[in-house]
């Protein structure tokens, strides 16, 4: 797959994700509030460490990349 085609596919995927997030924000309202995501709230501070969410993103991206680039 050439570099140009790869950029077109990535751009189309990003546009699709942007449309979904813009017109159906409730679909991903659970994301970032999973068990294992650390939230520390104080009067003046807010710390958010999305451990579980990033693990899920990593697994999904690994599966997608392996499907496209497996020989």
Protein backbone atom coordinates (compact mmCIF):
# COMPACT_ATOMS: atom_id res chain seq x y z
CA UNK A 1 0.00 0.00 0.00
CA UNK A 2 1.46 3.33 -1.01
CA UNK A 3 1.79 6.28 1.34
CA UNK A 4 -0.87 8.33 -0.44
CA UNK A 5 -3.53 5.64 -0.16
CA UNK A 6 -2.69 5.14 3.50
CA UNK A 7 -3.17 8.86 4.22
CA UNK A 8 -6.51 8.84 2.38
CA UNK A 9 -7.73 5.86 4.42
CA UNK A 10 -6.58 7.40 7.70
CA UNK A 11 -8.25 10.71 6.77
CA UNK A 12 -11.52 8.99 5.91
CA UNK A 13 -11.48 7.13 9.22
CA UNK A 14 -10.82 10.36 11.12
CA UNK A 15 -13.68 12.11 9.30
CA UNK A 16 -16.01 9.22 10.14
CA UNK A 17 -15.00 9.32 13.81
CA UNK A 18 -15.48 13.10 13.86
CA UNK A 19 -18.97 12.81 12.38
CA UNK A 20 -19.96 10.13 14.86
CA UNK A 21 -18.68 12.17 17.81
CA UNK A 22 -20.41 15.30 16.52
CA UNK A 23 -23.84 13.85 15.72
CA UNK A 24 -24.06 11.01 18.27
CA UNK A 25 -22.06 12.05 21.35
CA UNK A 26 -23.99 9.64 23.58
CA UNK A 27 -22.44 6.63 21.85
CA UNK A 28 -19.09 7.19 23.51
CA UNK A 29 -20.15 8.79 26.80
CA UNK A 30 -18.97 5.66 28.64
CA UNK A 31 -15.45 6.10 27.31
CA UNK A 32 -13.15 7.60 29.92
CA UNK A 33 -15.36 6.46 32.78
CA UNK A 34 -14.38 2.82 32.82
CA UNK A 35 -13.28 0.94 35.93
CA UNK A 36 -9.54 1.45 36.13
CA UNK A 37 -9.58 5.02 34.81
CA UNK A 38 -8.19 7.19 37.59
CA UNK A 39 -9.92 10.49 38.41
CA UNK A 40 -8.65 12.71 41.17
CA UNK A 41 -10.74 15.82 41.75
CA UNK A 42 -9.98 18.57 44.21
CA UNK A 43 -11.23 22.12 44.58
CA UNK A 44 -8.46 23.54 42.41
CA UNK A 45 -7.18 20.49 40.56
CA UNK A 46 -8.37 17.73 38.32
CA UNK A 47 -6.16 14.78 37.33
CA UNK A 48 -7.37 12.14 34.91
CA UNK A 49 -5.33 9.06 34.01
CA UNK A 50 -7.26 6.87 31.51
CA UNK A 51 -5.48 3.53 32.04
CA UNK A 52 -8.30 1.18 31.00
CA UNK A 53 -9.41 3.38 28.12
CA UNK A 54 -5.89 3.48 26.67
CA UNK A 55 -5.54 -0.30 26.99
CA UNK A 56 -8.76 -0.74 25.00
CA UNK A 57 -7.56 1.71 22.33
CA UNK A 58 -4.24 -0.12 22.13
CA UNK A 59 -5.92 -3.51 21.66
CA UNK A 60 -8.32 -2.21 19.00
CA UNK A 61 -5.56 -0.43 17.05
CA UNK A 62 -3.32 -3.51 17.26
CA UNK A 63 -6.08 -5.69 15.83
CA UNK A 64 -6.82 -3.22 13.02
CA UNK A 65 -3.16 -2.80 12.09
CA UNK A 66 -2.61 -6.56 12.09
CA UNK A 67 -5.62 -7.04 9.79
CA UNK A 68 -4.32 -4.52 7.24
CA UNK A 69 -0.59 -5.24 7.31
CA UNK A 70 -0.44 -9.01 7.85
CA UNK A 71 1.36 -10.88 5.08
